[in-house]
N, C-alpha and C. Protein backbone atom coordinates (compact mmCIF):
# COMPACT_ATOMS: atom_id res chain seq x y z
N MET A 1 -47.01 6.38 -16.60
CA MET A 1 -46.66 7.46 -17.51
C MET A 1 -45.27 7.18 -18.09
N GLU A 2 -45.16 7.29 -19.41
CA GLU A 2 -43.89 7.07 -20.10
C GLU A 2 -43.24 8.41 -20.40
N PHE A 3 -41.91 8.45 -20.30
CA PHE A 3 -41.15 9.65 -20.58
C PHE A 3 -40.18 9.36 -21.72
N ASP A 4 -40.30 10.10 -22.81
CA ASP A 4 -39.36 9.97 -23.92
C ASP A 4 -38.12 10.80 -23.63
N PRO A 5 -36.97 10.42 -24.19
CA PRO A 5 -35.80 11.28 -24.07
C PRO A 5 -36.14 12.66 -24.63
N ILE A 6 -35.57 13.69 -24.01
CA ILE A 6 -35.84 15.06 -24.48
C ILE A 6 -34.55 15.86 -24.42
N HIS A 7 -34.31 16.60 -25.46
CA HIS A 7 -33.19 17.54 -25.54
C HIS A 7 -33.73 18.73 -26.32
N ALA A 8 -34.39 19.63 -25.59
CA ALA A 8 -35.10 20.71 -26.26
C ALA A 8 -35.09 21.97 -25.41
N THR A 9 -35.17 23.10 -26.10
CA THR A 9 -35.37 24.39 -25.45
C THR A 9 -36.82 24.78 -25.71
N ILE A 10 -37.54 25.01 -24.64
CA ILE A 10 -38.96 25.33 -24.71
C ILE A 10 -39.15 26.79 -24.31
N THR A 11 -39.89 27.52 -25.10
CA THR A 11 -40.22 28.89 -24.73
C THR A 11 -41.55 28.86 -23.98
N PRO A 12 -41.63 29.60 -22.87
CA PRO A 12 -42.86 29.57 -22.06
C PRO A 12 -44.10 30.00 -22.82
N GLY A 13 -43.97 30.88 -23.80
CA GLY A 13 -45.12 31.35 -24.57
C GLY A 13 -45.63 30.34 -25.58
N SER A 14 -44.91 29.23 -25.74
CA SER A 14 -45.32 28.23 -26.73
C SER A 14 -46.56 27.47 -26.29
N GLY A 15 -46.90 27.51 -25.01
CA GLY A 15 -48.07 26.81 -24.52
C GLY A 15 -47.81 25.38 -24.12
N ARG A 16 -46.63 24.86 -24.45
CA ARG A 16 -46.32 23.47 -24.14
C ARG A 16 -46.33 23.20 -22.63
N LEU A 17 -45.96 24.22 -21.84
CA LEU A 17 -45.91 24.04 -20.39
C LEU A 17 -47.17 24.54 -19.69
N LYS A 18 -48.08 25.15 -20.41
CA LYS A 18 -49.38 25.58 -19.88
C LYS A 18 -49.27 26.60 -18.74
N PHE A 19 -48.35 27.57 -18.87
CA PHE A 19 -48.33 28.68 -17.92
C PHE A 19 -49.60 29.51 -18.17
N GLU A 20 -50.25 29.92 -17.10
CA GLU A 20 -51.48 30.68 -17.22
C GLU A 20 -51.24 32.15 -16.94
N ASP A 21 -51.88 33.03 -17.71
CA ASP A 21 -51.85 34.46 -17.39
C ASP A 21 -52.57 34.65 -16.07
N LYS A 22 -52.05 35.58 -15.26
CA LYS A 22 -52.63 35.81 -13.94
C LYS A 22 -52.54 37.31 -13.65
N PHE A 23 -53.69 37.95 -13.46
CA PHE A 23 -53.73 39.38 -13.17
C PHE A 23 -54.20 39.56 -11.74
N ILE A 24 -53.30 39.99 -10.86
CA ILE A 24 -53.67 40.27 -9.48
C ILE A 24 -54.18 41.71 -9.42
N ASP A 25 -53.41 42.63 -10.02
CA ASP A 25 -53.80 44.03 -10.20
C ASP A 25 -52.84 44.62 -11.23
N LYS A 26 -52.91 45.93 -11.47
CA LYS A 26 -52.07 46.51 -12.54
C LYS A 26 -50.58 46.53 -12.19
N LYS A 27 -50.21 46.26 -10.95
CA LYS A 27 -48.80 46.25 -10.56
C LYS A 27 -48.25 44.83 -10.34
N ASN A 28 -49.10 43.83 -10.34
CA ASN A 28 -48.69 42.46 -10.06
C ASN A 28 -49.41 41.52 -11.00
N TYR A 29 -48.67 40.93 -11.93
CA TYR A 29 -49.31 40.02 -12.87
C TYR A 29 -48.28 39.14 -13.58
N ILE A 30 -48.80 38.13 -14.27
CA ILE A 30 -48.02 37.21 -15.11
C ILE A 30 -48.75 37.15 -16.44
N VAL A 31 -47.99 37.32 -17.53
CA VAL A 31 -48.61 37.30 -18.84
C VAL A 31 -47.61 36.80 -19.88
N SER A 32 -48.11 36.04 -20.84
CA SER A 32 -47.26 35.62 -21.96
C SER A 32 -46.93 36.86 -22.77
N ASN A 33 -45.66 37.01 -23.09
CA ASN A 33 -45.17 38.18 -23.80
C ASN A 33 -44.41 37.67 -25.03
N GLY A 34 -45.16 37.29 -26.07
CA GLY A 34 -44.52 36.64 -27.22
C GLY A 34 -44.13 35.23 -26.82
N ASP A 35 -42.85 34.90 -26.91
CA ASP A 35 -42.37 33.58 -26.51
C ASP A 35 -41.95 33.53 -25.05
N ALA A 36 -41.92 34.67 -24.37
CA ALA A 36 -41.45 34.71 -22.98
C ALA A 36 -42.65 34.82 -22.03
N LEU A 37 -42.36 34.62 -20.75
CA LEU A 37 -43.37 34.79 -19.70
C LEU A 37 -42.95 35.98 -18.87
N LEU A 38 -43.72 37.05 -18.87
CA LEU A 38 -43.42 38.28 -18.15
C LEU A 38 -44.07 38.20 -16.78
N ILE A 39 -43.26 38.46 -15.74
CA ILE A 39 -43.75 38.48 -14.37
C ILE A 39 -43.45 39.86 -13.81
N LYS A 40 -44.50 40.56 -13.38
CA LYS A 40 -44.36 41.90 -12.82
C LYS A 40 -44.77 41.87 -11.37
N SER A 41 -43.94 42.49 -10.51
CA SER A 41 -44.20 42.49 -9.07
C SER A 41 -43.90 43.88 -8.51
N SER A 42 -44.74 44.32 -7.56
CA SER A 42 -44.47 45.58 -6.86
C SER A 42 -43.76 45.26 -5.54
N LEU A 43 -43.26 46.28 -4.89
CA LEU A 43 -42.40 46.14 -3.71
C LEU A 43 -42.90 45.08 -2.72
N LEU A 44 -42.08 44.09 -2.49
CA LEU A 44 -42.27 42.99 -1.53
C LEU A 44 -43.49 42.12 -1.79
N ASN A 45 -44.06 42.20 -2.98
CA ASN A 45 -45.16 41.33 -3.34
C ASN A 45 -44.62 40.12 -4.11
N ALA A 46 -44.97 38.93 -3.67
CA ALA A 46 -44.56 37.71 -4.36
C ALA A 46 -45.63 37.34 -5.38
N VAL A 47 -45.20 37.20 -6.63
CA VAL A 47 -46.11 36.80 -7.70
C VAL A 47 -45.68 35.42 -8.17
N ASN A 48 -46.60 34.45 -8.09
CA ASN A 48 -46.29 33.04 -8.40
C ASN A 48 -46.98 32.60 -9.68
N THR A 49 -46.24 31.82 -10.49
CA THR A 49 -46.88 31.18 -11.63
C THR A 49 -47.70 30.00 -11.13
N ASN A 50 -48.56 29.52 -11.98
CA ASN A 50 -49.20 28.25 -11.68
C ASN A 50 -48.12 27.16 -11.78
N GLY A 51 -48.36 26.04 -11.16
CA GLY A 51 -47.42 24.93 -11.29
C GLY A 51 -47.59 24.25 -12.63
N VAL A 52 -46.48 23.84 -13.22
CA VAL A 52 -46.51 23.12 -14.49
C VAL A 52 -45.72 21.83 -14.34
N VAL A 53 -46.07 20.85 -15.15
CA VAL A 53 -45.36 19.57 -15.15
C VAL A 53 -44.33 19.59 -16.27
N LEU A 54 -43.08 19.39 -15.91
CA LEU A 54 -42.02 19.31 -16.91
C LEU A 54 -42.03 17.91 -17.52
N PRO A 55 -41.81 17.80 -18.84
CA PRO A 55 -41.89 16.48 -19.50
C PRO A 55 -40.63 15.63 -19.32
N ILE A 56 -40.22 15.45 -18.06
CA ILE A 56 -39.08 14.61 -17.74
C ILE A 56 -39.41 13.71 -16.56
N ASP A 57 -38.64 12.65 -16.41
CA ASP A 57 -38.80 11.70 -15.32
C ASP A 57 -37.94 12.16 -14.15
N ALA A 58 -38.57 12.58 -13.05
CA ALA A 58 -37.85 13.10 -11.89
C ALA A 58 -36.97 12.06 -11.20
N MET A 59 -37.18 10.78 -11.48
CA MET A 59 -36.38 9.72 -10.86
C MET A 59 -35.08 9.47 -11.63
N GLN A 60 -34.98 10.00 -12.85
CA GLN A 60 -33.81 9.79 -13.69
C GLN A 60 -32.92 11.04 -13.69
N ASP A 61 -31.69 10.91 -14.20
CA ASP A 61 -30.79 12.05 -14.33
C ASP A 61 -31.36 13.05 -15.33
N TYR A 62 -31.19 14.34 -15.06
CA TYR A 62 -31.65 15.37 -15.97
C TYR A 62 -30.87 16.66 -15.75
N THR A 63 -31.00 17.56 -16.72
CA THR A 63 -30.46 18.92 -16.62
C THR A 63 -31.57 19.88 -17.03
N LEU A 64 -31.81 20.87 -16.19
CA LEU A 64 -32.77 21.94 -16.47
C LEU A 64 -31.99 23.24 -16.52
N GLU A 65 -32.30 24.08 -17.48
CA GLU A 65 -31.62 25.37 -17.57
C GLU A 65 -32.67 26.45 -17.87
N PHE A 66 -32.88 27.34 -16.91
CA PHE A 66 -33.86 28.41 -17.02
C PHE A 66 -33.14 29.72 -17.35
N THR A 67 -33.59 30.43 -18.37
CA THR A 67 -32.99 31.71 -18.72
C THR A 67 -33.99 32.81 -18.40
N PHE A 68 -33.56 33.70 -17.49
CA PHE A 68 -34.37 34.83 -17.06
C PHE A 68 -33.70 36.13 -17.50
N LYS A 69 -34.51 37.14 -17.78
CA LYS A 69 -33.97 38.46 -18.08
C LYS A 69 -34.69 39.49 -17.23
N THR A 70 -33.91 40.32 -16.54
CA THR A 70 -34.49 41.41 -15.76
C THR A 70 -34.78 42.57 -16.71
N ILE A 71 -36.01 42.96 -16.78
CA ILE A 71 -36.44 44.08 -17.62
C ILE A 71 -36.37 45.37 -16.83
N LYS A 72 -36.76 45.30 -15.54
CA LYS A 72 -36.83 46.51 -14.72
C LYS A 72 -36.70 46.11 -13.25
N GLY A 73 -36.00 46.94 -12.47
CA GLY A 73 -35.93 46.78 -11.02
C GLY A 73 -35.02 45.66 -10.55
N ASN A 74 -35.14 45.37 -9.27
CA ASN A 74 -34.42 44.27 -8.63
C ASN A 74 -35.43 43.34 -7.99
N ALA A 75 -35.20 42.05 -8.13
CA ALA A 75 -36.16 41.08 -7.60
C ALA A 75 -35.44 39.84 -7.12
N ILE A 76 -36.11 39.10 -6.26
CA ILE A 76 -35.68 37.75 -5.91
C ILE A 76 -36.55 36.81 -6.75
N THR A 77 -35.90 35.94 -7.48
CA THR A 77 -36.59 35.00 -8.35
C THR A 77 -36.37 33.61 -7.78
N SER A 78 -37.41 32.78 -7.82
CA SER A 78 -37.25 31.41 -7.36
C SER A 78 -37.82 30.43 -8.37
N VAL A 79 -37.17 29.28 -8.43
CA VAL A 79 -37.64 28.14 -9.22
C VAL A 79 -37.78 27.02 -8.20
N ALA A 80 -38.99 26.49 -8.04
CA ALA A 80 -39.22 25.48 -7.02
C ALA A 80 -39.96 24.28 -7.58
N THR A 81 -39.57 23.12 -7.10
CA THR A 81 -40.27 21.88 -7.40
C THR A 81 -40.85 21.36 -6.09
N VAL A 82 -41.51 20.24 -6.15
CA VAL A 82 -42.04 19.64 -4.94
C VAL A 82 -40.90 19.22 -4.01
N ASP A 83 -39.75 18.86 -4.59
CA ASP A 83 -38.63 18.32 -3.80
C ASP A 83 -37.58 19.34 -3.37
N TYR A 84 -37.39 20.42 -4.12
CA TYR A 84 -36.33 21.39 -3.83
C TYR A 84 -36.63 22.71 -4.52
N GLY A 85 -35.84 23.72 -4.18
CA GLY A 85 -35.99 25.01 -4.84
C GLY A 85 -34.69 25.79 -4.77
N VAL A 86 -34.57 26.77 -5.63
CA VAL A 86 -33.44 27.71 -5.62
C VAL A 86 -34.02 29.10 -5.80
N PHE A 87 -33.50 30.05 -5.01
CA PHE A 87 -33.92 31.44 -5.20
C PHE A 87 -32.68 32.31 -5.29
N PHE A 88 -32.79 33.41 -6.03
CA PHE A 88 -31.62 34.26 -6.22
C PHE A 88 -32.05 35.70 -6.46
N GLY A 89 -31.20 36.60 -6.06
CA GLY A 89 -31.37 38.03 -6.26
C GLY A 89 -30.00 38.64 -6.48
N PRO A 90 -29.93 39.97 -6.53
CA PRO A 90 -28.65 40.62 -6.85
C PRO A 90 -27.57 40.39 -5.78
N MET A 91 -27.96 40.18 -4.53
CA MET A 91 -26.96 40.06 -3.47
C MET A 91 -27.05 38.78 -2.64
N ASN A 92 -27.89 37.84 -3.04
CA ASN A 92 -27.97 36.59 -2.29
C ASN A 92 -28.58 35.49 -3.13
N TYR A 93 -28.41 34.28 -2.67
CA TYR A 93 -29.09 33.14 -3.25
C TYR A 93 -29.41 32.18 -2.13
N GLY A 94 -30.25 31.22 -2.41
CA GLY A 94 -30.59 30.24 -1.39
C GLY A 94 -31.10 28.96 -2.02
N ILE A 95 -31.02 27.91 -1.23
CA ILE A 95 -31.49 26.60 -1.64
C ILE A 95 -32.53 26.15 -0.61
N ILE A 96 -33.59 25.55 -1.10
CA ILE A 96 -34.63 24.98 -0.24
C ILE A 96 -34.60 23.47 -0.46
N ASN A 97 -34.46 22.73 0.63
CA ASN A 97 -34.40 21.27 0.53
C ASN A 97 -35.20 20.69 1.68
N GLY A 98 -36.28 20.00 1.35
CA GLY A 98 -37.08 19.36 2.39
C GLY A 98 -37.64 20.33 3.41
N GLY A 99 -37.99 21.55 2.99
CA GLY A 99 -38.56 22.53 3.90
C GLY A 99 -37.51 23.37 4.61
N THR A 100 -36.23 23.00 4.53
CA THR A 100 -35.15 23.75 5.16
C THR A 100 -34.57 24.72 4.13
N SER A 101 -34.40 25.98 4.54
CA SER A 101 -33.88 26.99 3.63
C SER A 101 -32.49 27.43 4.08
N GLN A 102 -31.61 27.62 3.12
CA GLN A 102 -30.25 28.11 3.38
C GLN A 102 -30.06 29.36 2.53
N ASN A 103 -29.77 30.50 3.16
CA ASN A 103 -29.60 31.78 2.46
C ASN A 103 -28.13 32.18 2.51
N ILE A 104 -27.52 32.49 1.37
CA ILE A 104 -26.10 32.84 1.28
C ILE A 104 -25.98 34.23 0.66
N LYS A 105 -25.20 35.11 1.29
CA LYS A 105 -24.95 36.44 0.70
C LYS A 105 -23.85 36.30 -0.33
N TRP A 106 -24.00 37.02 -1.46
CA TRP A 106 -23.01 36.94 -2.53
C TRP A 106 -23.31 38.01 -3.57
N LYS A 107 -22.49 38.08 -4.58
CA LYS A 107 -22.73 38.98 -5.70
C LYS A 107 -22.98 38.12 -6.93
N MET A 108 -24.08 38.42 -7.64
CA MET A 108 -24.46 37.65 -8.81
C MET A 108 -23.34 37.66 -9.84
N PRO A 109 -22.88 36.49 -10.29
CA PRO A 109 -21.87 36.47 -11.35
C PRO A 109 -22.45 37.02 -12.65
N LYS A 110 -21.63 37.74 -13.37
CA LYS A 110 -22.09 38.38 -14.60
C LYS A 110 -22.31 37.36 -15.71
N ASN A 111 -23.25 37.70 -16.56
CA ASN A 111 -23.52 36.93 -17.77
C ASN A 111 -23.05 37.81 -18.93
N SER A 112 -22.74 37.21 -20.07
CA SER A 112 -22.29 38.00 -21.21
C SER A 112 -23.39 38.94 -21.72
N GLU A 113 -24.66 38.61 -21.45
CA GLU A 113 -25.77 39.48 -21.82
C GLU A 113 -26.30 40.16 -20.58
N LYS A 114 -26.30 41.49 -20.58
CA LYS A 114 -26.72 42.27 -19.41
C LYS A 114 -28.14 41.92 -18.98
N GLY A 115 -28.30 41.74 -17.67
CA GLY A 115 -29.62 41.46 -17.10
C GLY A 115 -30.09 40.03 -17.23
N VAL A 116 -29.28 39.17 -17.85
CA VAL A 116 -29.68 37.77 -18.04
C VAL A 116 -29.07 36.89 -16.95
N VAL A 117 -29.89 36.02 -16.41
CA VAL A 117 -29.43 35.03 -15.41
C VAL A 117 -29.83 33.66 -15.92
N THR A 118 -28.87 32.76 -15.96
CA THR A 118 -29.14 31.38 -16.31
C THR A 118 -29.05 30.53 -15.05
N CYS A 119 -30.14 29.90 -14.71
CA CYS A 119 -30.23 29.03 -13.53
C CYS A 119 -30.21 27.59 -14.04
N LYS A 120 -29.16 26.86 -13.67
CA LYS A 120 -29.00 25.48 -14.15
C LYS A 120 -29.10 24.52 -12.96
N ILE A 121 -29.90 23.48 -13.16
CA ILE A 121 -30.10 22.45 -12.13
C ILE A 121 -29.79 21.12 -12.77
N VAL A 122 -28.84 20.38 -12.17
CA VAL A 122 -28.41 19.10 -12.70
C VAL A 122 -28.67 18.03 -11.66
N ARG A 123 -29.44 17.01 -12.04
CA ARG A 123 -29.67 15.86 -11.16
C ARG A 123 -28.88 14.70 -11.70
N HIS A 124 -28.02 14.13 -10.84
CA HIS A 124 -27.25 12.94 -11.20
C HIS A 124 -27.31 12.00 -10.00
N LYS A 125 -27.89 10.83 -10.23
CA LYS A 125 -28.16 9.86 -9.15
C LYS A 125 -29.02 10.55 -8.11
N ASN A 126 -28.58 10.65 -6.88
CA ASN A 126 -29.40 11.32 -5.85
C ASN A 126 -28.84 12.68 -5.45
N THR A 127 -28.04 13.28 -6.32
CA THR A 127 -27.46 14.58 -6.06
C THR A 127 -28.03 15.60 -7.05
N VAL A 128 -28.48 16.74 -6.51
CA VAL A 128 -28.95 17.84 -7.34
C VAL A 128 -27.95 18.99 -7.15
N THR A 129 -27.38 19.47 -8.26
CA THR A 129 -26.37 20.53 -8.24
C THR A 129 -26.96 21.78 -8.87
N PHE A 130 -26.66 22.95 -8.27
CA PHE A 130 -27.21 24.22 -8.71
C PHE A 130 -26.09 25.14 -9.19
N TYR A 131 -26.38 25.86 -10.31
CA TYR A 131 -25.46 26.83 -10.89
C TYR A 131 -26.25 28.09 -11.24
N LEU A 132 -25.61 29.25 -11.11
CA LEU A 132 -26.16 30.51 -11.62
C LEU A 132 -25.11 31.15 -12.51
N ASN A 133 -25.47 31.43 -13.74
CA ASN A 133 -24.54 31.98 -14.73
C ASN A 133 -23.24 31.17 -14.76
N ASP A 134 -23.39 29.84 -14.78
CA ASP A 134 -22.29 28.88 -14.85
C ASP A 134 -21.40 28.84 -13.60
N LYS A 135 -21.78 29.53 -12.53
CA LYS A 135 -21.02 29.47 -11.28
C LYS A 135 -21.68 28.45 -10.36
N TYR A 136 -20.88 27.49 -9.90
CA TYR A 136 -21.35 26.46 -8.98
C TYR A 136 -21.82 27.11 -7.68
N LEU A 137 -23.02 26.73 -7.22
CA LEU A 137 -23.54 27.23 -5.95
C LEU A 137 -23.37 26.19 -4.86
N THR A 138 -24.05 25.07 -5.03
CA THR A 138 -24.01 24.02 -4.02
C THR A 138 -24.69 22.78 -4.59
N GLU A 139 -24.69 21.72 -3.81
CA GLU A 139 -25.43 20.52 -4.19
C GLU A 139 -26.12 19.96 -2.96
N ILE A 140 -27.19 19.25 -3.21
CA ILE A 140 -27.97 18.64 -2.14
C ILE A 140 -28.23 17.18 -2.50
N THR A 141 -28.53 16.40 -1.49
CA THR A 141 -28.98 15.03 -1.71
C THR A 141 -30.49 15.07 -1.80
N ASN A 142 -31.03 14.42 -2.82
CA ASN A 142 -32.46 14.46 -3.01
C ASN A 142 -32.94 13.15 -3.61
N LYS A 143 -33.92 12.55 -2.98
CA LYS A 143 -34.53 11.32 -3.48
C LYS A 143 -36.00 11.60 -3.75
N PRO A 144 -36.35 11.85 -5.03
CA PRO A 144 -37.74 12.17 -5.35
C PRO A 144 -38.67 11.01 -5.01
N GLN A 145 -39.90 11.35 -4.65
CA GLN A 145 -40.90 10.35 -4.29
C GLN A 145 -41.83 10.04 -5.44
N ASN A 146 -41.70 10.83 -6.54
CA ASN A 146 -42.62 10.69 -7.67
C ASN A 146 -41.87 10.94 -8.96
N ARG A 147 -42.27 10.31 -10.04
CA ARG A 147 -41.61 10.49 -11.34
C ARG A 147 -41.97 11.83 -11.98
N ILE A 148 -43.06 12.43 -11.57
CA ILE A 148 -43.51 13.69 -12.16
C ILE A 148 -42.79 14.85 -11.50
N LEU A 149 -42.20 15.75 -12.31
CA LEU A 149 -41.52 16.94 -11.80
C LEU A 149 -42.41 18.14 -12.00
N PHE A 150 -43.00 18.59 -10.93
CA PHE A 150 -43.94 19.70 -10.90
C PHE A 150 -43.17 20.93 -10.44
N MET A 151 -43.20 22.05 -11.19
CA MET A 151 -42.43 23.23 -10.81
C MET A 151 -43.24 24.51 -10.98
N ALA A 152 -42.79 25.56 -10.25
CA ALA A 152 -43.40 26.89 -10.34
C ALA A 152 -42.30 27.94 -10.16
N ILE A 153 -42.59 29.16 -10.55
CA ILE A 153 -41.65 30.27 -10.47
C ILE A 153 -42.29 31.40 -9.70
N THR A 154 -41.49 32.09 -8.89
CA THR A 154 -41.97 33.23 -8.10
C THR A 154 -41.03 34.42 -8.31
N CYS A 155 -41.59 35.61 -8.34
CA CYS A 155 -40.82 36.85 -8.41
C CYS A 155 -41.30 37.75 -7.28
N THR A 156 -40.34 38.23 -6.46
CA THR A 156 -40.65 39.17 -5.39
C THR A 156 -39.81 40.42 -5.60
N SER A 157 -40.45 41.56 -5.81
CA SER A 157 -39.73 42.79 -6.09
C SER A 157 -39.04 43.34 -4.85
N LEU A 158 -37.79 43.79 -5.03
CA LEU A 158 -37.03 44.46 -3.97
C LEU A 158 -37.02 45.97 -4.21
N SER A 159 -37.59 46.40 -5.32
CA SER A 159 -37.68 47.82 -5.64
C SER A 159 -39.16 48.17 -5.83
N LYS A 160 -39.44 49.41 -6.14
CA LYS A 160 -40.83 49.85 -6.28
C LYS A 160 -41.60 48.95 -7.24
N SER A 161 -40.94 48.58 -8.34
CA SER A 161 -41.57 47.70 -9.32
C SER A 161 -40.48 46.91 -10.02
N SER A 162 -40.72 45.64 -10.25
CA SER A 162 -39.77 44.79 -10.97
C SER A 162 -40.49 44.01 -12.04
N GLU A 163 -39.78 43.78 -13.14
CA GLU A 163 -40.29 42.95 -14.22
C GLU A 163 -39.18 42.00 -14.64
N ILE A 164 -39.51 40.71 -14.67
CA ILE A 164 -38.57 39.71 -15.19
C ILE A 164 -39.28 38.90 -16.26
N GLU A 165 -38.48 38.36 -17.16
CA GLU A 165 -39.00 37.46 -18.18
C GLU A 165 -38.35 36.11 -18.02
N LEU A 166 -39.16 35.07 -18.05
CA LEU A 166 -38.63 33.73 -18.23
C LEU A 166 -38.59 33.55 -19.74
N GLN A 167 -37.38 33.53 -20.30
CA GLN A 167 -37.23 33.49 -21.75
C GLN A 167 -37.25 32.08 -22.31
N SER A 168 -36.66 31.13 -21.58
CA SER A 168 -36.65 29.76 -22.08
C SER A 168 -36.32 28.78 -20.98
N ILE A 169 -36.66 27.52 -21.24
CA ILE A 169 -36.31 26.41 -20.36
C ILE A 169 -35.67 25.34 -21.24
N ARG A 170 -34.44 24.98 -20.93
CA ARG A 170 -33.74 23.90 -21.64
C ARG A 170 -33.90 22.63 -20.83
N LEU A 171 -34.37 21.57 -21.47
CA LEU A 171 -34.59 20.28 -20.81
C LEU A 171 -33.69 19.24 -21.50
N ASP A 172 -32.93 18.51 -20.71
CA ASP A 172 -32.09 17.43 -21.24
C ASP A 172 -32.24 16.20 -20.36
N GLN A 173 -32.65 15.10 -21.01
CA GLN A 173 -32.76 13.83 -20.30
C GLN A 173 -32.76 12.71 -21.35
N GLY A 174 -32.05 11.64 -21.04
CA GLY A 174 -32.05 10.48 -21.91
C GLY A 174 -30.97 10.52 -22.97
N ALA A 175 -30.94 9.48 -23.76
CA ALA A 175 -29.91 9.32 -24.80
C ALA A 175 -30.06 10.39 -25.86
N GLU A 176 -28.92 10.98 -26.25
CA GLU A 176 -28.90 12.03 -27.28
C GLU A 176 -29.43 11.54 -28.62
N ASN A 177 -29.04 10.34 -29.03
CA ASN A 177 -29.40 9.88 -30.37
C ASN A 177 -30.87 9.50 -30.53
N ASP A 178 -31.62 9.45 -29.44
CA ASP A 178 -33.04 9.12 -29.52
C ASP A 178 -33.92 10.37 -29.59
N SER A 179 -33.32 11.54 -29.50
CA SER A 179 -34.12 12.77 -29.35
C SER A 179 -34.44 13.42 -30.67
N GLU A 180 -35.49 14.24 -30.61
CA GLU A 180 -35.85 15.13 -31.70
C GLU A 180 -35.91 16.53 -31.14
N ASP A 181 -34.94 17.37 -31.48
CA ASP A 181 -34.88 18.73 -30.91
C ASP A 181 -35.67 19.70 -31.74
């Protein structure tokens, strides 16, 4: 499989990533909402997207930036790949690496837009660094076993009902001058 350089912002509703609508019941579902992906969860129910393949080479350096917006309630949101994951909520965040989870209590740093959280993941050599709203969280050592980066998103409500939107995914990999944005 060949990977072209990419420097693009992809909206989940564009169909490029093949997120599937999923109706568990009227309180728990995933649906394309224009260009965004709406995830609704009721108290302590985890709602997972299907896994999608990101069009980047997991063995090379890359930057991923996920923009989420909380529409209603409080939730723990996670972005996970086969190799690692990050989860975050209003009062904690955590990193998953090789099946080991680390949970840290904290207060979510503010974004200039209310309710918006930007989750940034940067891979450089064998180090993966995590940021939330431009605040450094931590870094892990990670050696992927496959060039394909398979990822999924989960929302677990901490209130009676929560709704979050995945508004966009920014992908950066490869030489800037070779890209078509």
